[in-house]
Protein backbone atom coordinates (compact mmCIF):
# COMPACT_ATOMS: atom_id res chain seq x y z
CA MET A 1 113.56 128.98 87.39
CA LYS A 2 112.40 126.69 90.20
CA LYS A 3 114.13 123.28 90.03
CA VAL A 4 111.31 120.19 89.89
CA SER A 5 112.58 117.16 91.29
CA VAL A 6 110.69 113.99 89.46
CA ILE A 7 111.00 110.93 91.67
CA VAL A 8 110.27 107.86 89.74
CA PRO A 9 110.58 104.36 91.68
CA CYS A 10 110.93 101.38 89.41
CA TYR A 11 110.25 97.44 90.04
CA ASN A 12 110.16 95.57 87.16
CA MET A 13 109.02 98.58 84.65
CA GLU A 14 110.85 97.55 81.68
CA LYS A 15 107.82 97.15 79.73
CA TYR A 16 106.75 100.69 80.67
CA LEU A 17 109.90 102.92 80.49
CA ASP A 18 109.74 103.88 76.75
CA ASN A 19 106.35 105.55 77.80
CA CYS A 20 107.75 106.88 80.97
CA PHE A 21 111.12 108.65 79.01
CA LYS A 22 108.60 110.13 76.36
CA SER A 23 106.36 111.76 79.03
CA LEU A 24 109.48 113.26 80.77
CA GLN A 25 111.61 114.16 77.53
CA ASN A 26 108.14 116.08 76.03
CA GLN A 27 107.56 118.15 79.08
CA THR A 28 107.86 121.81 78.40
CA TYR A 29 109.09 122.33 81.82
CA LYS A 30 112.87 122.12 81.40
CA ASN A 31 114.67 122.78 84.54
CA LEU A 32 114.07 119.11 86.01
CA GLU A 33 115.92 116.83 88.29
CA ILE A 34 115.02 113.21 87.34
CA ILE A 35 115.61 110.75 89.98
CA PHE A 36 114.78 106.94 89.09
CA VAL A 37 115.09 104.35 91.92
CA ASN A 38 115.69 100.97 90.97
CA ASP A 39 114.22 99.23 93.57
CA GLY A 40 115.74 95.19 93.27
CA SER A 41 114.08 94.89 89.45
CA LYS A 42 114.40 91.38 88.49
CA ASP A 43 113.75 92.41 84.63
CA LYS A 44 116.12 94.79 82.28
CA THR A 45 114.92 98.11 84.08
CA LEU A 46 118.18 99.03 85.68
CA ASP A 47 119.59 98.35 82.36
CA ILE A 48 117.42 100.63 80.41
CA LEU A 49 117.45 103.26 82.94
CA SER A 50 121.42 103.18 82.93
CA LYS A 51 121.42 103.19 79.25
CA ARG A 52 118.86 105.73 78.42
CA GLY A 53 120.25 108.60 80.84
CA GLY A 54 121.87 110.45 77.70
CA GLU A 55 118.60 111.03 76.25
CA PHE A 56 117.64 114.05 78.86
CA ASP A 57 119.62 117.03 78.40
CA LEU A 58 120.34 117.42 82.22
CA LYS A 59 124.02 117.61 82.36
CA ASP A 60 124.46 116.79 86.06
CA ASN A 61 120.41 116.20 86.87
CA TYR A 62 119.65 112.77 85.91
CA PHE A 63 120.32 110.19 88.60
CA VAL A 64 119.68 106.17 88.59
CA ILE A 65 119.96 104.63 92.20
CA ASN A 66 119.96 100.69 92.57
CA GLN A 67 119.01 99.53 95.71
CA GLN A 68 117.44 96.29 97.02
CA ASN A 69 113.77 96.01 97.04
CA LYS A 70 112.20 97.96 99.61
CA GLY A 71 108.94 98.54 98.19
CA LEU A 72 107.24 101.51 96.63
CA SER A 73 107.53 103.82 100.24
CA GLY A 74 111.25 102.81 100.81
CA ALA A 75 111.73 103.63 96.77
CA ARG A 76 110.29 106.86 96.97
CA ASN A 77 112.02 107.66 100.27
CA THR A 78 115.25 107.40 98.97
CA GLY A 79 114.51 109.71 95.89
CA LEU A 80 113.33 112.13 98.44
CA ARG A 81 116.71 112.00 100.32
CA LYS A 82 118.43 112.53 97.04
CA ALA A 83 116.85 115.34 95.60
CA THR A 84 117.71 119.28 95.81
CA GLY A 85 115.03 120.48 93.99
CA ASP A 86 112.25 123.37 94.99
CA TYR A 87 109.50 121.51 94.23
CA ILE A 88 109.16 117.78 94.26
CA TYR A 89 106.96 115.72 91.85
CA PHE A 90 106.28 111.81 92.18
CA LEU A 91 105.50 110.11 88.70
CA ASP A 92 104.72 106.34 88.35
CA PRO A 93 106.67 105.01 85.48
CA ASP A 94 103.80 102.79 83.94
CA ASP A 95 101.36 105.84 83.63
CA ILE A 96 101.79 109.02 81.36
CA ILE A 97 101.49 112.68 81.99
CA PHE A 98 100.21 115.51 79.59
CA PRO A 99 103.37 117.67 77.87
CA THR A 100 102.43 120.68 80.31
CA LEU A 101 101.50 118.85 83.53
CA ILE A 102 105.18 120.09 85.26
CA GLU A 103 105.07 123.73 83.72
CA GLU A 104 101.09 124.21 84.85
CA LEU A 105 101.41 122.68 88.03
CA VAL A 106 104.53 125.16 88.74
CA ASN A 107 102.99 128.34 87.65
CA MET A 108 99.75 127.80 89.44
CA LEU A 109 101.74 128.10 92.57
CA GLU A 110 102.80 131.42 91.81
CA ASP A 111 106.13 131.80 93.37
CA ASP A 112 105.43 129.62 96.50
CA LYS A 113 102.06 131.89 96.91
CA TYR A 114 100.64 128.15 97.41
CA ASP A 115 101.75 125.07 99.20
CA TYR A 116 100.78 122.78 97.03
CA SER A 117 99.08 122.54 93.05
CA TYR A 118 96.89 119.77 91.85
CA CYS A 119 95.39 118.15 88.56
CA GLU A 120 92.72 115.65 87.91
CA TYR A 121 93.53 112.64 86.12
CA GLU A 122 91.96 109.72 83.94
CA ARG A 123 92.21 105.80 83.81
CA VAL A 124 93.64 104.44 80.39
CA ASP A 125 93.82 100.87 79.28
CA ASP A 126 97.00 98.71 79.90
CA GLY A 127 99.12 98.77 76.61
CA LYS A 128 98.54 102.15 75.18
CA LYS A 129 102.14 103.83 73.70
CA TYR A 130 102.56 107.00 73.84
CA GLU A 131 102.90 108.36 70.39
CA ASP A 132 99.48 107.10 69.71
CA PHE A 133 97.95 108.81 73.05
CA LYS A 134 95.22 111.48 72.22
CA PHE A 135 95.72 114.26 75.19
CA LYS A 136 92.78 116.44 75.74
CA ASN A 137 93.54 119.77 75.72
CA LYS A 138 90.29 121.39 77.95
CA LYS A 139 90.25 124.76 79.43
CA GLY A 140 90.18 124.01 83.26
CA LYS A 141 88.80 125.81 86.63
CA LEU A 142 91.15 126.97 89.24
CA THR A 143 89.83 126.33 93.32
CA ILE A 144 91.92 127.26 96.14
CA LEU A 145 91.42 125.91 99.32
CA ASP A 146 93.21 126.62 102.85
CA LYS A 147 94.98 123.98 105.13
CA THR A 148 91.51 123.06 106.98
CA GLU A 149 89.39 122.52 103.59
CA THR A 150 92.34 120.79 101.86
CA LEU A 151 92.35 118.53 104.89
CA LYS A 152 88.81 117.77 104.83
CA ARG A 153 88.34 117.34 101.04
CA TYR A 154 91.51 115.14 101.03
CA LEU A 155 90.44 112.49 103.55
CA VAL A 156 86.94 112.00 102.05
CA HIS A 157 88.60 111.61 98.61
CA ASN A 158 87.76 114.71 96.97
CA LEU A 159 91.52 115.20 96.49
CA ARG A 160 92.14 111.64 95.88
CA TRP A 161 94.60 109.27 97.87
CA CYS A 162 97.52 109.49 95.57
CA VAL A 163 100.71 111.51 95.36
CA TRP A 164 101.26 111.80 91.74
CA ASN A 165 98.38 114.41 90.76
CA LYS A 166 100.28 117.02 93.12
CA LEU A 167 103.19 119.10 93.03
CA PHE A 168 104.54 119.49 96.54
CA LYS A 169 107.15 122.07 98.13
CA ALA A 170 110.47 120.45 98.85
CA SER A 171 110.80 122.75 101.95
CA ILE A 172 107.88 121.66 103.68
CA ILE A 173 108.88 118.06 103.43
CA LYS A 174 112.38 118.63 104.60
CA ASP A 175 111.85 121.07 107.54
CA ASN A 176 108.89 118.72 108.55
CA ASN A 177 110.84 115.22 108.19
CA ILE A 178 107.69 113.81 106.00
CA PHE A 179 108.50 110.32 104.76
CA PHE A 180 106.45 107.27 103.33
CA GLN A 181 105.76 104.66 105.92
CA GLU A 182 107.95 102.02 104.66
CA ASP A 183 106.38 99.37 106.68
CA CYS A 184 102.92 100.21 104.62
CA ARG A 185 102.62 98.18 101.42
CA TYR A 186 99.02 99.68 100.49
CA GLY A 187 97.34 103.12 100.72
CA GLU A 188 101.31 104.45 101.13
CA ASP A 189 100.22 107.90 99.67
CA THR A 190 97.38 108.70 102.73
CA TYR A 191 99.31 109.28 105.58
CA PHE A 192 102.33 111.15 103.47
CA CYS A 193 99.81 113.65 102.26
CA PHE A 194 98.18 114.08 105.39
CA GLU A 195 101.22 114.95 106.89
CA TYR A 196 102.05 117.19 104.18
CA PHE A 197 98.68 119.14 104.35
CA LYS A 198 99.03 119.09 108.43
CA HIS A 199 102.48 121.29 107.86
CA MET A 200 100.86 123.95 105.45
CA THR A 201 100.78 127.31 106.05
CA ASN A 202 99.02 128.57 102.91
CA SER A 203 96.46 127.54 100.76
CA GLY A 204 96.51 125.34 98.10
CA ILE A 205 95.45 125.64 94.37
CA LEU A 206 93.48 123.24 92.13
CA THR A 207 92.78 122.71 88.72
CA ASP A 208 90.15 120.75 87.05
CA ARG A 209 92.38 119.87 84.29
CA VAL A 210 93.00 116.15 83.11
CA LEU A 211 97.01 116.15 83.24
CA TYR A 212 97.59 112.68 84.63
CA TYR A 213 96.62 109.44 82.96
CA TYR A 214 96.83 106.63 85.16
CA THR A 215 97.22 103.32 83.95
CA GLN A 216 94.74 100.37 84.88
CA ARG A 217 97.10 97.35 85.34
CA LYS A 218 95.51 94.18 86.62
CA SER A 219 98.40 92.72 88.06
CA SER A 220 99.08 96.25 90.28
CA LEU A 221 98.96 96.42 93.85
CA THR A 222 95.81 98.39 94.10
CA HIS A 223 93.84 95.63 91.64
CA SER A 224 95.48 92.43 93.30
CA ALA A 225 93.27 89.79 95.30
CA PHE A 226 92.80 90.17 98.91
CA ASN A 227 95.25 89.46 101.39
CA GLU A 228 96.42 90.15 105.27
CA ARG A 229 98.68 93.09 103.45
CA ARG A 230 96.12 95.17 102.33
CA LEU A 231 95.24 95.73 106.18
CA ASP A 232 97.95 97.93 105.72
CA CYS A 233 95.99 100.28 104.15
CA TYR A 234 93.51 100.38 107.18
CA TYR A 235 96.61 100.78 109.89
CA SER A 236 98.24 103.22 107.83
CA LEU A 237 94.77 105.52 108.80
CA ASN A 238 95.45 105.15 112.56
CA PRO A 239 98.09 108.09 113.27
CA ILE A 240 95.55 110.17 111.19
CA VAL A 241 92.74 109.54 113.46
CA GLU A 242 95.55 110.21 116.39
CA GLU A 243 96.85 113.31 115.19
CA SER A 244 93.79 114.48 114.20
CA LYS A 245 92.33 114.72 117.65
CA ASP A 246 94.39 118.27 117.83
CA MET A 247 92.18 119.62 115.06
CA GLN A 248 88.46 119.14 116.30
CA ASP A 249 87.22 120.24 112.80
CA ILE A 250 88.89 117.35 111.17
CA VAL A 251 88.16 114.28 113.92
CA PRO A 252 84.82 113.09 111.57
CA TYR A 253 86.76 113.18 108.52
CA ALA A 254 89.72 111.25 110.06
CA HIS A 255 87.05 108.36 111.11
CA THR A 256 85.16 108.25 107.93
CA ILE A 257 88.12 107.75 105.55
CA ARG A 258 88.76 104.83 108.45
CA ALA A 259 85.19 103.71 107.58
CA MET A 260 85.35 103.91 104.24
CA VAL A 261 88.93 101.89 103.68
CA ALA A 262 86.83 99.36 105.87
CA CYS A 263 84.02 99.21 103.30
CA GLU A 264 86.81 98.75 100.65
CA MET A 265 88.32 95.87 102.26
CA LEU A 266 85.07 94.22 102.86
CA PHE A 267 84.46 94.46 99.20
CA TYR A 268 87.80 92.71 98.16
CA ILE A 269 86.84 90.34 100.74
CA LYS A 270 83.53 89.24 99.09
CA LYS A 271 85.29 89.10 95.57
CA SER A 272 87.99 86.49 97.04
CA ASP A 273 88.00 83.58 98.80
CA TYR A 274 89.24 84.92 101.69
CA SER A 275 87.77 83.29 104.95
CA ASN A 276 89.57 84.30 107.79
CA GLY A 277 86.54 84.57 110.11
CA LYS A 278 87.97 86.51 112.94
CA VAL A 279 89.71 88.97 110.78
CA ILE A 280 86.29 89.81 108.38
CA GLU A 281 84.34 89.99 111.93
CA GLN A 282 87.09 92.36 113.42
CA ILE A 283 86.63 94.61 109.96
CA ILE A 284 82.83 94.54 110.64
CA ASP A 285 83.41 96.07 114.00
CA TRP A 286 85.82 98.63 113.16
CA GLN A 287 83.45 100.08 110.81
CA LYS A 288 80.87 100.19 112.89
CA GLN A 289 83.04 102.31 115.56
CA ASP A 290 83.77 104.79 112.63
CA VAL A 291 80.51 105.35 110.74
CA LYS A 292 78.75 107.14 113.09
CA TYR A 293 81.26 110.28 112.30
CA VAL A 294 80.02 110.07 108.52
CA LYS A 295 76.69 111.94 108.51
CA LYS A 296 79.25 115.24 109.80
CA CYS A 297 81.11 115.00 106.67
CA LYS A 298 79.80 117.98 104.51
CA TYR A 299 81.79 116.45 101.14
CA LEU A 300 80.35 113.42 101.14
CA PRO A 301 77.37 112.90 98.48
CA TRP A 302 74.15 111.95 100.68
CA TYR A 303 73.77 108.35 99.11
CA ILE A 304 77.42 107.42 100.11
CA LYS A 305 76.79 108.67 103.54
CA HIS A 306 73.80 106.58 103.92
CA PHE A 307 75.19 103.12 101.97
CA ILE A 308 78.08 103.44 104.73
CA HIS A 309 75.78 102.84 107.51
CA LEU A 310 74.07 99.89 105.66
CA VAL A 311 77.73 98.03 105.26
CA PRO A 312 78.23 96.53 108.31
CA ALA A 313 74.96 94.63 108.37
CA ILE A 314 74.77 93.67 104.56
CA ALA A 315 78.65 92.36 105.03
CA LYS A 316 77.47 90.36 107.87
CA SER A 317 74.62 88.72 105.58
CA LEU A 318 76.87 87.96 102.76
CA LEU A 319 79.94 86.82 104.76
CA LYS A 320 77.89 85.00 107.53
CA LYS A 321 79.29 81.65 106.79
CA ARG A 322 82.90 83.15 106.25
CA ILE A 323 82.61 84.91 109.86
CA LYS A 324 81.39 81.34 111.54
CA ASN A 325 84.47 79.56 110.16
CA LYS A 326 86.57 81.30 113.18
CA LEU A 327 88.04 77.98 114.97
CA ASN A 328 91.32 77.29 112.45
CA TYR A 329 92.11 81.11 112.51
CA THR A 330 93.91 83.73 114.59
CA LEU A 331 94.01 87.73 114.29
CA PRO A 332 97.31 88.50 112.76
CA PRO A 333 99.66 90.37 115.34
CA SER A 334 98.82 93.69 113.95
CA MET A 335 95.22 93.39 114.66
CA LEU A 336 95.64 92.40 118.08
CA THR A 337 97.79 96.00 118.77
CA TYR A 338 94.74 98.35 117.09
């Protein structure tokens, strides 16, 4: 039986650890190596992780690593360096997983016939307790995608820009030295998955079964107000665009993900009171550069293709007062090197 290393990065997660422990304890697949990385938490996270390890019947396969705060990417990288399993699974501690998630994802790989397995997810409200949770057990349909189709669909979000609904082969990660970008605080999963898919030699396999339940936290990084750190999400895509030049079929999709993320940045800016006109104008200009590639992507719905083309004009109109507000602002250094 193949060993699965489950990497769980934790920062101030005391509120959610009971659900996390129960999700892992109830997994039907038992050959697990569980690696919790306490990333400089200021609450009781480390204490809980240290005390509750005995609840797992894992002998020498339960680890708690304590480190100074390095962010989500740094915590996951620490877990990767510790992992000894055949497969790697990333779990966010505030989420809930179906009891058969790991078993199903392992079985789908059919003894390494495929290079990754994938499941769907649903969003759930914050505050749900594991014991009160009602899992949906519906039959699923399987789809097989080769490397090129995987990259295309991933880049336009058909395969979700996240790691926690996928099972990865440890050999591909380690042989190609694939790690998360530690200087990126938003969108850190995107480049990791791209690098992994780029080094695939076999196809991947997907189920449309919902096996992962994502907790919608208002305080999470992905739902906080706009600040210039959010631009990390955009910068992390620049290497993807550069590396796609060696894969001509992928070029339009690499530019399209950057155009889509620029739209997202503008949406968050509109919702906030952010007023650096130079940054806003620069994001609009970047989006205009990439949008010409969008129509070449066959996996985007027609209405999204047309809407993205309209975004620069709409953003200029809705944010025109802020765009004029440039005299007292400068561009962040990272924007000057784009």
